[in-house]
Amino acid sequence: SVNDVAEMVGYNNYPYFASSFKRFHGCPPLQYKKENEITN
């Protein structure tokens, strides 16, 4: 999940993770996950 990933990369504050992720990748983590998730 997005929360799992946030914790796995050292963020215990989800809003801070989400804003950092958006700055880096250009979209929120949930949107990124939906667009890039590999089903297999």
Full PDB file with SEQRES, HELIX, SHEET, SSBOND, CRYST1, ORIGX, SCALE, CONECT and MASTER records, all heavy atoms in Angstrom:
SEQRES   1 A   40  SER VAL ASN ASP VAL ALA GLU MET VAL GLY TYR ASN ASN          
SEQRES   2 A   40  TYR PRO TYR PHE ALA SER SER PHE LYS ARG PHE HIS GLY          
SEQRES   3 A   40  CYS PRO PRO LEU GLN TYR LYS LYS GLU ASN GLU ILE THR          
SEQRES   4 A   40  ASN                                                          
HELIX    1 AA1 VAL A    2  MET A    8  1                                   7    
HELIX    2 AA2 TYR A   14  HIS A   25  1                                  12    
HELIX    3 AA3 PRO A   29  ASN A   36  1                                   8    
CRYST1    1.000    1.000    1.000  90.00  90.00  90.00 P 1           1          
ORIGX1      1.000000  0.000000  0.000000        0.00000                         
ORIGX2      0.000000  1.000000  0.000000        0.00000                         
ORIGX3      0.000000  0.000000  1.000000        0.00000                         
SCALE1      1.000000  0.000000  0.000000        0.00000                         
SCALE2      0.000000  1.000000  0.000000        0.00000                         
SCALE3      0.000000  0.000000  1.000000        0.00000                         
ATOM      1  N   SER A   1       0.861  -1.190   0.000  1.00  0.00           N  
ATOM      2  CA  SER A   1       0.000   0.000   0.000  1.00  0.00           C  
ATOM      3  C   SER A   1       0.894   1.235   0.000  1.00  0.00           C  
ATOM      4  O   SER A   1       2.104   1.150   0.270  1.00  0.00           O  
ATOM      5  CB  SER A   1      -0.893   0.009   1.240  1.00  0.00           C  
ATOM      6  OG  SER A   1      -0.125   0.298   2.396  1.00  0.00           O  
ATOM      7  N   VAL A   2       0.301   2.367  -0.252  1.00  0.00           N  
ATOM      8  CA  VAL A   2       1.057   3.623  -0.252  1.00  0.00           C  
ATOM      9  C   VAL A   2       1.636   3.880   1.145  1.00  0.00           C  
ATOM     10  O   VAL A   2       2.792   4.303   1.274  1.00  0.00           O  
ATOM     11  CB  VAL A   2       0.176   4.804  -0.728  1.00  0.00           C  
ATOM     12  CG1 VAL A   2       0.937   6.108  -0.650  1.00  0.00           C  
ATOM     13  CG2 VAL A   2      -0.301   4.564  -2.151  1.00  0.00           C  
ATOM     14  N   ASN A   3       0.864   3.598   2.183  1.00  0.00           N  
ATOM     15  CA  ASN A   3       1.366   3.776   3.556  1.00  0.00           C  
ATOM     16  C   ASN A   3       2.524   2.841   3.851  1.00  0.00           C  
ATOM     17  O   ASN A   3       3.490   3.232   4.526  1.00  0.00           O  
ATOM     18  CB  ASN A   3       0.245   3.563   4.583  1.00  0.00           C  
ATOM     19  CG  ASN A   3      -0.686   4.740   4.658  1.00  0.00           C  
ATOM     20  OD1 ASN A   3      -0.282   5.878   4.477  1.00  0.00           O  
ATOM     21  ND2 ASN A   3      -1.956   4.462   4.917  1.00  0.00           N  
ATOM     22  N   ASP A   4       2.438   1.587   3.381  1.00  0.00           N  
ATOM     23  CA  ASP A   4       3.536   0.635   3.563  1.00  0.00           C  
ATOM     24  C   ASP A   4       4.813   1.171   2.923  1.00  0.00           C  
ATOM     25  O   ASP A   4       5.893   1.132   3.514  1.00  0.00           O  
ATOM     26  CB  ASP A   4       3.203  -0.723   2.928  1.00  0.00           C  
ATOM     27  CG  ASP A   4       2.111  -1.465   3.659  1.00  0.00           C  
ATOM     28  OD1 ASP A   4       1.851  -1.164   4.851  1.00  0.00           O  
ATOM     29  OD2 ASP A   4       1.493  -2.362   3.030  1.00  0.00           O  
ATOM     30  N   VAL A   5       4.678   1.665   1.714  1.00  0.00           N  
ATOM     31  CA  VAL A   5       5.830   2.197   0.981  1.00  0.00           C  
ATOM     32  C   VAL A   5       6.419   3.402   1.718  1.00  0.00           C  
ATOM     33  O   VAL A   5       7.640   3.515   1.857  1.00  0.00           O  
ATOM     34  CB  VAL A   5       5.459   2.554  -0.473  1.00  0.00           C  
ATOM     35  CG1 VAL A   5       6.586   3.311  -1.159  1.00  0.00           C  
ATOM     36  CG2 VAL A   5       5.103   1.281  -1.247  1.00  0.00           C  
ATOM     37  N   ALA A   6       5.567   4.282   2.207  1.00  0.00           N  
ATOM     38  CA  ALA A   6       6.049   5.452   2.948  1.00  0.00           C  
ATOM     39  C   ALA A   6       6.929   5.010   4.116  1.00  0.00           C  
ATOM     40  O   ALA A   6       8.023   5.547   4.321  1.00  0.00           O  
ATOM     41  CB  ALA A   6       4.875   6.295   3.442  1.00  0.00           C  
ATOM     42  N   GLU A   7       6.459   4.023   4.865  1.00  0.00           N  
ATOM     43  CA  GLU A   7       7.240   3.519   6.005  1.00  0.00           C  
ATOM     44  C   GLU A   7       8.509   2.818   5.549  1.00  0.00           C  
ATOM     45  O   GLU A   7       9.556   2.938   6.185  1.00  0.00           O  
ATOM     46  CB  GLU A   7       6.393   2.578   6.850  1.00  0.00           C  
ATOM     47  CG  GLU A   7       5.336   3.310   7.650  1.00  0.00           C  
ATOM     48  CD  GLU A   7       4.472   2.367   8.480  1.00  0.00           C  
ATOM     49  OE1 GLU A   7       4.895   1.219   8.734  1.00  0.00           O  
ATOM     50  OE2 GLU A   7       3.377   2.803   8.876  1.00  0.00           O  
ATOM     51  N   MET A   8       8.431   2.080   4.450  1.00  0.00           N  
ATOM     52  CA  MET A   8       9.595   1.342   3.949  1.00  0.00           C  
ATOM     53  C   MET A   8      10.723   2.267   3.502  1.00  0.00           C  
ATOM     54  O   MET A   8      11.888   1.865   3.506  1.00  0.00           O  
ATOM     55  CB  MET A   8       9.177   0.439   2.793  1.00  0.00           C  
ATOM     56  CG  MET A   8       8.282  -0.714   3.224  1.00  0.00           C  
ATOM     57  SD  MET A   8       7.534  -1.579   1.837  1.00  0.00           S  
ATOM     58  CE  MET A   8       8.887  -2.612   1.303  1.00  0.00           C  
ATOM     59  N   VAL A   9      10.384   3.486   3.103  1.00  0.00           N  
ATOM     60  CA  VAL A   9      11.418   4.423   2.653  1.00  0.00           C  
ATOM     61  C   VAL A   9      11.716   5.510   3.695  1.00  0.00           C  
ATOM     62  O   VAL A   9      12.335   6.521   3.385  1.00  0.00           O  
ATOM     63  CB  VAL A   9      11.086   5.053   1.278  1.00  0.00           C  
ATOM     64  CG1 VAL A   9      11.041   3.988   0.199  1.00  0.00           C  
ATOM     65  CG2 VAL A   9       9.808   5.857   1.319  1.00  0.00           C  
ATOM     66  N   GLY A  10      11.283   5.282   4.937  1.00  0.00           N  
ATOM     67  CA  GLY A  10      11.705   6.149   6.024  1.00  0.00           C  
ATOM     68  C   GLY A  10      10.813   7.329   6.348  1.00  0.00           C  
ATOM     69  O   GLY A  10      11.280   8.305   6.929  1.00  0.00           O  
ATOM     70  N   TYR A  11       9.542   7.269   5.988  1.00  0.00           N  
ATOM     71  CA  TYR A  11       8.619   8.355   6.318  1.00  0.00           C  
ATOM     72  C   TYR A  11       7.512   7.818   7.227  1.00  0.00           C  
ATOM     73  O   TYR A  11       6.769   6.937   6.825  1.00  0.00           O  
ATOM     74  CB  TYR A  11       7.980   8.946   5.050  1.00  0.00           C  
ATOM     75  CG  TYR A  11       8.927   9.754   4.210  1.00  0.00           C  
ATOM     76  CD1 TYR A  11       9.740   9.143   3.270  1.00  0.00           C  
ATOM     77  CD2 TYR A  11       9.006  11.130   4.356  1.00  0.00           C  
ATOM     78  CE1 TYR A  11      10.619   9.882   2.492  1.00  0.00           C  
ATOM     79  CE2 TYR A  11       9.880  11.880   3.578  1.00  0.00           C  
ATOM     80  CZ  TYR A  11      10.683  11.242   2.655  1.00  0.00           C  
ATOM     81  OH  TYR A  11      11.542  11.976   1.890  1.00  0.00           O  
ATOM     82  N   ASN A  12       7.436   8.355   8.439  1.00  0.00           N  
ATOM     83  CA  ASN A  12       6.346   7.941   9.321  1.00  0.00           C  
ATOM     84  C   ASN A  12       5.217   8.970   9.304  1.00  0.00           C  
ATOM     85  O   ASN A  12       4.217   8.793   9.962  1.00  0.00           O  
ATOM     86  CB  ASN A  12       6.840   7.685  10.746  1.00  0.00           C  
ATOM     87  CG  ASN A  12       7.500   8.891  11.363  1.00  0.00           C  
ATOM     88  OD1 ASN A  12       7.576   9.951  10.765  1.00  0.00           O  
ATOM     89  ND2 ASN A  12       7.997   8.722  12.573  1.00  0.00           N  
ATOM     90  N   ASN A  13       5.384  10.024   8.535  1.00  0.00           N  
ATOM     91  CA  ASN A  13       4.384  11.074   8.385  1.00  0.00           C  
ATOM     92  C   ASN A  13       3.897  11.028   6.929  1.00  0.00           C  
ATOM     93  O   ASN A  13       4.576  11.510   6.024  1.00  0.00           O  
ATOM     94  CB  ASN A  13       5.020  12.422   8.730  1.00  0.00           C  
ATOM     95  CG  ASN A  13       4.081  13.586   8.593  1.00  0.00           C  
ATOM     96  OD1 ASN A  13       3.123  13.559   7.843  1.00  0.00           O  
ATOM     97  ND2 ASN A  13       4.380  14.641   9.328  1.00  0.00           N  
ATOM     98  N   TYR A  14       2.716  10.428   6.706  1.00  0.00           N  
ATOM     99  CA  TYR A  14       2.228  10.245   5.345  1.00  0.00           C  
ATOM    100  C   TYR A  14       2.082  11.556   4.563  1.00  0.00           C  
ATOM    101  O   TYR A  14       2.502  11.619   3.403  1.00  0.00           O  
ATOM    102  CB  TYR A  14       0.911   9.456   5.308  1.00  0.00           C  
ATOM    103  CG  TYR A  14       0.406   9.316   3.905  1.00  0.00           C  
ATOM    104  CD1 TYR A  14       0.989   8.407   3.031  1.00  0.00           C  
ATOM    105  CD2 TYR A  14      -0.604  10.142   3.419  1.00  0.00           C  
ATOM    106  CE1 TYR A  14       0.569   8.297   1.720  1.00  0.00           C  
ATOM    107  CE2 TYR A  14      -1.027  10.043   2.105  1.00  0.00           C  
ATOM    108  CZ  TYR A  14      -0.440   9.124   1.263  1.00  0.00           C  
ATOM    109  OH  TYR A  14      -0.837   9.035  -0.041  1.00  0.00           O  
ATOM    110  N   PRO A  15       1.487  12.622   5.130  1.00  0.00           N  
ATOM    111  CA  PRO A  15       1.364  13.860   4.344  1.00  0.00           C  
ATOM    112  C   PRO A  15       2.719  14.405   3.865  1.00  0.00           C  
ATOM    113  O   PRO A  15       2.833  14.897   2.746  1.00  0.00           O  
ATOM    114  CB  PRO A  15       0.689  14.836   5.312  1.00  0.00           C  
ATOM    115  CG  PRO A  15      -0.047  13.970   6.273  1.00  0.00           C  
ATOM    116  CD  PRO A  15       0.788  12.732   6.419  1.00  0.00           C  
ATOM    117  N   TYR A  16       3.731  14.284   4.712  1.00  0.00           N  
ATOM    118  CA  TYR A  16       5.066  14.749   4.302  1.00  0.00           C  
ATOM    119  C   TYR A  16       5.614  13.866   3.175  1.00  0.00           C  
ATOM    120  O   TYR A  16       6.193  14.350   2.207  1.00  0.00           O  
ATOM    121  CB  TYR A  16       6.016  14.780   5.500  1.00  0.00           C  
ATOM    122  CG  TYR A  16       7.375  15.318   5.167  1.00  0.00           C  
ATOM    123  CD1 TYR A  16       7.535  16.630   4.719  1.00  0.00           C  
ATOM    124  CD2 TYR A  16       8.513  14.528   5.281  1.00  0.00           C  
ATOM    125  CE1 TYR A  16       8.780  17.137   4.402  1.00  0.00           C  
ATOM    126  CE2 TYR A  16       9.757  15.016   4.967  1.00  0.00           C  
ATOM    127  CZ  TYR A  16       9.889  16.324   4.527  1.00  0.00           C  
ATOM    128  OH  TYR A  16      11.132  16.818   4.198  1.00  0.00           O  
ATOM    129  N   PHE A  17       5.416  12.556   3.302  1.00  0.00           N  
ATOM    130  CA  PHE A  17       5.830  11.638   2.241  1.00  0.00           C  
ATOM    131  C   PHE A  17       5.127  11.995   0.937  1.00  0.00           C  
ATOM    132  O   PHE A  17       5.759  12.086  -0.114  1.00  0.00           O  
ATOM    133  CB  PHE A  17       5.523  10.189   2.630  1.00  0.00           C  
ATOM    134  CG  PHE A  17       5.645   9.234   1.476  1.00  0.00           C  
ATOM    135  CD1 PHE A  17       6.883   8.876   0.978  1.00  0.00           C  
ATOM    136  CD2 PHE A  17       4.507   8.702   0.875  1.00  0.00           C  
ATOM    137  CE1 PHE A  17       6.999   8.001  -0.104  1.00  0.00           C  
ATOM    138  CE2 PHE A  17       4.609   7.824  -0.203  1.00  0.00           C  
ATOM    139  CZ  PHE A  17       5.858   7.474  -0.693  1.00  0.00           C  
ATOM    140  N   ALA A  18       3.811  12.202   1.013  1.00  0.00           N  
ATOM    141  CA  ALA A  18       3.030  12.492  -0.191  1.00  0.00           C  
ATOM    142  C   ALA A  18       3.504  13.781  -0.872  1.00  0.00           C  
ATOM    143  O   ALA A  18       3.636  13.823  -2.098  1.00  0.00           O  
ATOM    144  CB  ALA A  18       1.544  12.590   0.154  1.00  0.00           C  
ATOM    145  N   SER A  19       3.781  14.816  -0.081  1.00  0.00           N  
ATOM    146  CA  SER A  19       4.242  16.072  -0.694  1.00  0.00           C  
ATOM    147  C   SER A  19       5.642  15.919  -1.280  1.00  0.00           C  
ATOM    148  O   SER A  19       5.927  16.447  -2.364  1.00  0.00           O  
ATOM    149  CB  SER A  19       4.173  17.232   0.301  1.00  0.00           C  
ATOM    150  OG  SER A  19       5.097  17.053   1.340  1.00  0.00           O  
ATOM    151  N   SER A  20       6.515  15.198  -0.603  1.00  0.00           N  
ATOM    152  CA  SER A  20       7.863  14.954  -1.140  1.00  0.00           C  
ATOM    153  C   SER A  20       7.792  14.125  -2.412  1.00  0.00           C  
ATOM    154  O   SER A  20       8.498  14.403  -3.385  1.00  0.00           O  
ATOM    155  CB  SER A  20       8.728  14.217  -0.105  1.00  0.00           C  
ATOM    156  OG  SER A  20       8.945  15.010   1.022  1.00  0.00           O  
ATOM    157  N   PHE A  21       6.938  13.111  -2.405  1.00  0.00           N  
ATOM    158  CA  PHE A  21       6.773  12.244  -3.570  1.00  0.00           C  
ATOM    159  C   PHE A  21       6.261  13.045  -4.769  1.00  0.00           C  
ATOM    160  O   PHE A  21       6.759  12.907  -5.880  1.00  0.00           O  
ATOM    161  CB  PHE A  21       5.810  11.096  -3.239  1.00  0.00           C  
ATOM    162  CG  PHE A  21       5.764  10.038  -4.306  1.00  0.00           C  
ATOM    163  CD1 PHE A  21       6.611   8.954  -4.239  1.00  0.00           C  
ATOM    164  CD2 PHE A  21       4.881  10.143  -5.373  1.00  0.00           C  
ATOM    165  CE1 PHE A  21       6.580   7.972  -5.227  1.00  0.00           C  
ATOM    166  CE2 PHE A  21       4.843   9.177  -6.359  1.00  0.00           C  
ATOM    167  CZ  PHE A  21       5.700   8.087  -6.286  1.00  0.00           C  
ATOM    168  N   LYS A  22       5.270  13.885  -4.517  1.00  0.00           N  
ATOM    169  CA  LYS A  22       4.692  14.691  -5.600  1.00  0.00           C  
ATOM    170  C   LYS A  22       5.732  15.647  -6.185  1.00  0.00           C  
ATOM    171  O   LYS A  22       5.798  15.820  -7.404  1.00  0.00           O  
ATOM    172  CB  LYS A  22       3.477  15.464  -5.097  1.00  0.00           C  
ATOM    173  CG  LYS A  22       2.743  16.196  -6.204  1.00  0.00           C  
ATOM    174  CD  LYS A  22       1.474  16.843  -5.714  1.00  0.00           C  
ATOM    175  CE  LYS A  22       0.772  17.531  -6.869  1.00  0.00           C  
ATOM    176  NZ  LYS A  22      -0.474  18.155  -6.444  1.00  0.00           N  
ATOM    177  N   ARG A  23       6.548  16.256  -5.315  1.00  0.00           N  
ATOM    178  CA  ARG A  23       7.613  17.141  -5.800  1.00  0.00           C  
ATOM    179  C   ARG A  23       8.601  16.378  -6.676  1.00  0.00           C  
ATOM    180  O   ARG A  23       9.064  16.876  -7.693  1.00  0.00           O  
ATOM    181  CB  ARG A  23       8.372  17.772  -4.626  1.00  0.00           C  
ATOM    182  CG  ARG A  23       7.987  19.173  -4.305  1.00  0.00           C  
ATOM    183  CD  ARG A  23       8.956  19.868  -3.359  1.00  0.00           C  
ATOM    184  NE  ARG A  23       9.373  19.073  -2.224  1.00  0.00           N  
ATOM    185  CZ  ARG A  23       8.736  18.980  -1.070  1.00  0.00           C  
ATOM    186  NH1 ARG A  23       7.627  19.643  -0.881  1.00  0.00           N  
ATOM    187  NH2 ARG A  23       9.189  18.235  -0.087  1.00  0.00           N  
ATOM    188  N   PHE A  24       8.909  15.166  -6.287  1.00  0.00           N  
ATOM    189  CA  PHE A  24       9.915  14.371  -7.004  1.00  0.00           C  
ATOM    190  C   PHE A  24       9.360  13.747  -8.286  1.00  0.00           C  
ATOM    191  O   PHE A  24       9.988  13.795  -9.327  1.00  0.00           O  
ATOM    192  CB  PHE A  24      10.475  13.277  -6.084  1.00  0.00           C  
ATOM    193  CG  PHE A  24      11.653  12.549  -6.645  1.00  0.00           C  
ATOM    194  CD1 PHE A  24      12.926  13.074  -6.527  1.00  0.00           C  
ATOM    195  CD2 PHE A  24      11.493  11.328  -7.291  1.00  0.00           C  
ATOM    196  CE1 PHE A  24      14.028  12.404  -7.042  1.00  0.00           C  
ATOM    197  CE2 PHE A  24      12.583  10.645  -7.808  1.00  0.00           C  
ATOM    198  CZ  PHE A  24      13.856  11.186  -7.678  1.00  0.00           C  
ATOM    199  N   HIS A  25       8.186  13.134  -8.203  1.00  0.00           N  
ATOM    200  CA  HIS A  25       7.624  12.394  -9.336  1.00  0.00           C  
ATOM    201  C   HIS A  25       6.593  13.179 -10.141  1.00  0.00           C  
ATOM    202  O   HIS A  25       6.186  12.729 -11.214  1.00  0.00           O  
ATOM    203  CB  HIS A  25       6.993  11.080  -8.852  1.00  0.00           C  
ATOM    204  CG  HIS A  25       7.997  10.052  -8.452  1.00  0.00           C  
ATOM    205  ND1 HIS A  25       8.709   9.303  -9.358  1.00  0.00           N  
ATOM    206  CD2 HIS A  25       8.429   9.647  -7.225  1.00  0.00           C  
ATOM    207  CE1 HIS A  25       9.516   8.482  -8.722  1.00  0.00           C  
ATOM    208  NE2 HIS A  25       9.371   8.670  -7.423  1.00  0.00           N  
ATOM    209  N   GLY A  26       6.116  14.301  -9.617  1.00  0.00           N  
ATOM    210  CA  GLY A  26       5.168  15.124 -10.358  1.00  0.00           C  
ATOM    211  C   GLY A  26       3.713  14.731 -10.187  1.00  0.00           C  
ATOM    212  O   GLY A  26       2.845  15.318 -10.831  1.00  0.00           O  
ATOM    213  N   CYS A  27       3.437  13.729  -9.363  1.00  0.00           N  
ATOM    214  CA  CYS A  27       2.055  13.341  -9.087  1.00  0.00           C  
ATOM    215  C   CYS A  27       1.996  12.701  -7.701  1.00  0.00           C  
ATOM    216  O   CYS A  27       3.016  12.247  -7.192  1.00  0.00           O  
ATOM    217  CB  CYS A  27       1.523  12.380 -10.154  1.00  0.00           C  
ATOM    218  SG  CYS A  27       2.345  10.784 -10.187  1.00  0.00           S  
ATOM    219  N   PRO A  28       0.812  12.667  -7.096  1.00  0.00           N  
ATOM    220  CA  PRO A  28       0.684  12.054  -5.771  1.00  0.00           C  
ATOM    221  C   PRO A  28       0.983  10.551  -5.831  1.00  0.00           C  
ATOM    222  O   PRO A  28       0.814   9.916  -6.880  1.00  0.00           O  
ATOM    223  CB  PRO A  28      -0.772  12.290  -5.385  1.00  0.00           C  
ATOM    224  CG  PRO A  28      -1.279  13.326  -6.324  1.00  0.00           C  
ATOM    225  CD  PRO A  28      -0.439  13.257  -7.554  1.00  0.00           C  
ATOM    226  N   PRO A  29       1.409   9.957  -4.721  1.00  0.00           N  
ATOM    227  CA  PRO A  29       1.778   8.542  -4.731  1.00  0.00           C  
ATOM    228  C   PRO A  29       0.636   7.603  -5.139  1.00  0.00           C  
ATOM    229  O   PRO A  29       0.871   6.619  -5.841  1.00  0.00           O  
ATOM    230  CB  PRO A  29       2.232   8.258  -3.299  1.00  0.00           C  
ATOM    231  CG  PRO A  29       2.013   9.480  -2.516  1.00  0.00           C  
ATOM    232  CD  PRO A  29       1.647  10.582  -3.431  1.00  0.00           C  
ATOM    233  N   LEU A  30      -0.578   7.896  -4.737  1.00  0.00           N  
ATOM    234  CA  LEU A  30      -1.708   7.025  -5.091  1.00  0.00           C  
ATOM    235  C   LEU A  30      -1.950   7.023  -6.605  1.00  0.00           C  
ATOM    236  O   LEU A  30      -2.158   5.966  -7.214  1.00  0.00           O  
ATOM    237  CB  LEU A  30      -2.972   7.444  -4.333  1.00  0.00           C  
ATOM    238  CG  LEU A  30      -4.116   6.457  -4.370  1.00  0.00           C  
ATOM    239  CD1 LEU A  30      -3.695   5.094  -3.837  1.00  0.00           C  
ATOM    240  CD2 LEU A  30      -5.285   6.981  -3.550  1.00  0.00           C  
ATOM    241  N   GLN A  31      -1.882   8.197  -7.205  1.00  0.00           N  
ATOM    242  CA  GLN A  31      -2.038   8.300  -8.663  1.00  0.00           C  
ATOM    243  C   GLN A  31      -0.896   7.557  -9.360  1.00  0.00           C  
ATOM    244  O   GLN A  31      -1.117   6.816 -10.323  1.00  0.00           O  
ATOM    245  CB  GLN A  31      -2.061   9.769  -9.095  1.00  0.00           C  
ATOM    246  CG  GLN A  31      -2.171   9.966 -10.586  1.00  0.00           C  
ATOM    247  CD  GLN A  31      -2.054  11.432 -10.992  1.00  0.00           C  
ATOM    248  OE1 GLN A  31      -2.198  12.338 -10.173  1.00  0.00           O  
ATOM    249  NE2 GLN A  31      -1.775  11.665 -12.256  1.00  0.00           N  
ATOM    250  N   TYR A  32       0.307   7.748  -8.874  1.00  0.00           N  
ATOM    251  CA  TYR A  32       1.482   7.068  -9.441  1.00  0.00           C  
ATOM    252  C   TYR A  32       1.290   5.556  -9.378  1.00  0.00           C  
ATOM    253  O   TYR A  32       1.561   4.839 -10.332  1.00  0.00           O  
ATOM    254  CB  TYR A  32       2.739   7.488  -8.682  1.00  0.00           C  
ATOM    255  CG  TYR A  32       4.018   6.918  -9.240  1.00  0.00           C  
ATOM    256  CD1 TYR A  32       4.746   7.612 -10.196  1.00  0.00           C  
ATOM    257  CD2 TYR A  32       4.520   5.692  -8.802  1.00  0.00           C  
ATOM    258  CE1 TYR A  32       5.934   7.103 -10.709  1.00  0.00           C  
ATOM    259  CE2 TYR A  32       5.683   5.166  -9.307  1.00  0.00           C  
ATOM    260  CZ  TYR A  32       6.391   5.881 -10.260  1.00  0.00           C  
ATOM    261  OH  TYR A  32       7.555   5.371 -10.775  1.00  0.00           O  
ATOM    262  N   LYS A  33       0.813   5.087  -8.218  1.00  0.00           N  
ATOM    263  CA  LYS A  33       0.587   3.652  -8.028  1.00  0.00           C  
ATOM    264  C   LYS A  33      -0.428   3.130  -9.038  1.00  0.00           C  
ATOM    265  O   LYS A  33      -0.200   2.104  -9.684  1.00  0.00           O  
ATOM    266  CB  LYS A  33       0.128   3.370  -6.606  1.00  0.00           C  
ATOM    267  CG  LYS A  33      -0.086   1.887  -6.307  1.00  0.00           C  
ATOM    268  CD  LYS A  33      -0.330   1.680  -4.834  1.00  0.00           C  
ATOM    269  CE  LYS A  33      -0.487   0.219  -4.478  1.00  0.00           C  
ATOM    270  NZ  LYS A  33       0.654  -0.623  -4.778  1.00  0.00           N  
ATOM    271  N   LYS A  34      -1.538   3.833  -9.201  1.00  0.00           N  
ATOM    272  CA  LYS A  34      -2.586   3.401 -10.130  1.00  0.00           C  
ATOM    273  C   LYS A  34      -2.084   3.360 -11.568  1.00  0.00           C  
ATOM    274  O   LYS A  34      -2.435   2.468 -12.338  1.00  0.00           O  
ATOM    275  CB  LYS A  34      -3.798   4.322 -10.032  1.00  0.00           C  
ATOM    276  CG  LYS A  34      -4.595   4.124  -8.762  1.00  0.00           C  
ATOM    277  CD  LYS A  34      -5.753   5.098  -8.669  1.00  0.00           C  
ATOM    278  CE  LYS A  34      -6.490   4.924  -7.351  1.00  0.00           C  
ATOM    279  NZ  LYS A  34      -7.544   5.932  -7.190  1.00  0.00           N  
ATOM    280  N   GLU A  35      -1.266   4.342 -11.952  1.00  0.00           N  
ATOM    281  CA  GLU A  35      -0.786   4.431 -13.330  1.00  0.00           C  
ATOM    282  C   GLU A  35       0.363   3.482 -13.632  1.00  0.00           C  
ATOM    283  O   GLU A  35       0.588   3.138 -14.783  1.00  0.00           O  
ATOM    284  CB  GLU A  35      -0.344   5.867 -13.637  1.00  0.00           C  
ATOM    285  CG  GLU A  35      -1.495   6.864 -13.649  1.00  0.00           C  
ATOM    286  CD  GLU A  35      -1.031   8.314 -13.793  1.00  0.00           C  
ATOM    287  OE1 GLU A  35       0.195   8.562 -13.842  1.00  0.00           O  
ATOM    288  OE2 GLU A  35      -1.904   9.194 -13.833  1.00  0.00           O  
ATOM    289  N   ASN A  36       1.108   3.079 -12.599  1.00  0.00           N  
ATOM    290  CA  ASN A  36       2.327   2.301 -12.834  1.00  0.00           C  
ATOM    291  C   ASN A  36       2.331   0.906 -12.229  1.00  0.00           C  
ATOM    292  O   ASN A  36       3.322   0.182 -12.353  1.00  0.00           O  
ATOM    293  CB  ASN A  36       3.543   3.065 -12.293  1.00  0.00           C  
ATOM    294  CG  ASN A  36       3.777   4.352 -13.025  1.00  0.00           C  
ATOM    295  OD1 ASN A  36       4.242   4.351 -14.148  1.00  0.00           O  
ATOM    296  ND2 ASN A  36       3.427   5.473 -12.404  1.00  0.00           N  
ATOM    297  N   GLU A  37       1.265   0.519 -11.581  1.00  0.00           N  
ATOM    298  CA  GLU A  37       1.232  -0.780 -10.908  1.00  0.00           C  
ATOM    299  C   GLU A  37       1.383  -1.913 -11.923  1.00  0.00           C  
ATOM    300  O   GLU A  37       0.734  -1.932 -12.945  1.00  0.00           O  
ATOM    301  CB  GLU A  37      -0.082  -0.915 -10.142  1.00  0.00           C  
ATOM    302  CG  GLU A  37      -0.075  -2.011  -9.114  1.00  0.00           C  
ATOM    303  CD  GLU A  37      -1.276  -1.907  -8.214  1.00  0.00           C  
ATOM    304  OE1 GLU A  37      -2.405  -2.070  -8.700  1.00  0.00           O  
ATOM    305  OE2 GLU A  37      -1.080  -1.640  -7.005  1.00  0.00           O  
ATOM    306  N   ILE A  38       2.251  -2.842 -11.595  1.00  0.00           N  
ATOM    307  CA  ILE A  38       2.473  -4.020 -12.450  1.00  0.00           C  
ATOM    308  C   ILE A  38       1.615  -5.145 -11.892  1.00  0.00           C  
ATOM    309  O   ILE A  38       1.729  -5.515 -10.717  1.00  0.00           O  
ATOM    310  CB  ILE A  38       3.969  -4.402 -12.457  1.00  0.00           C  
ATOM    311  CG1 ILE A  38       4.805  -3.259 -13.027  1.00  0.00           C  
ATOM    312  CG2 ILE A  38       4.180  -5.682 -13.264  1.00  0.00           C  
ATOM    313  CD1 ILE A  38       6.293  -3.457 -12.891  1.00  0.00           C  
ATOM    314  N   THR A  39       0.773  -5.711 -12.713  1.00  0.00           N  
ATOM    315  CA  THR A  39      -0.191  -6.704 -12.223  1.00  0.00           C  
ATOM    316  C   THR A  39       0.395  -8.089 -12.039  1.00  0.00           C  
ATOM    317  O   THR A  39      -0.132  -8.891 -11.297  1.00  0.00           O  
ATOM    318  CB  THR A  39      -1.406  -6.786 -13.176  1.00  0.00           C  
ATOM    319  OG1 THR A  39      -0.924  -7.063 -14.497  1.00  0.00           O  
ATOM    320  CG2 THR A  39      -2.202  -5.513 -13.147  1.00  0.00           C  
ATOM    321  N   ASN A  40       1.495  -8.399 -12.675  1.00  0.00           N  
ATOM    322  CA  ASN A  40       2.056  -9.747 -12.594  1.00  0.00           C  
ATOM    323  C   ASN A  40       3.222  -9.836 -11.612  1.00  0.00           C  
ATOM    324  O   ASN A  40       4.289 -10.321 -11.954  1.00  0.00           O  
ATOM    325  CB  ASN A  40       2.526 -10.217 -13.979  1.00  0.00           C  
ATOM    326  CG  ASN A  40       1.392 -10.337 -14.949  1.00  0.00           C  
ATOM    327  OD1 ASN A  40       0.268 -10.553 -14.538  1.00  0.00           O  
ATOM    328  ND2 ASN A  40       1.681 -10.207 -16.231  1.00  0.00           N  
TER     329      ASN A  40                                                      
MASTER        0    0    0    3    0    0    0    6  328    1    0    4          
END                                                                             
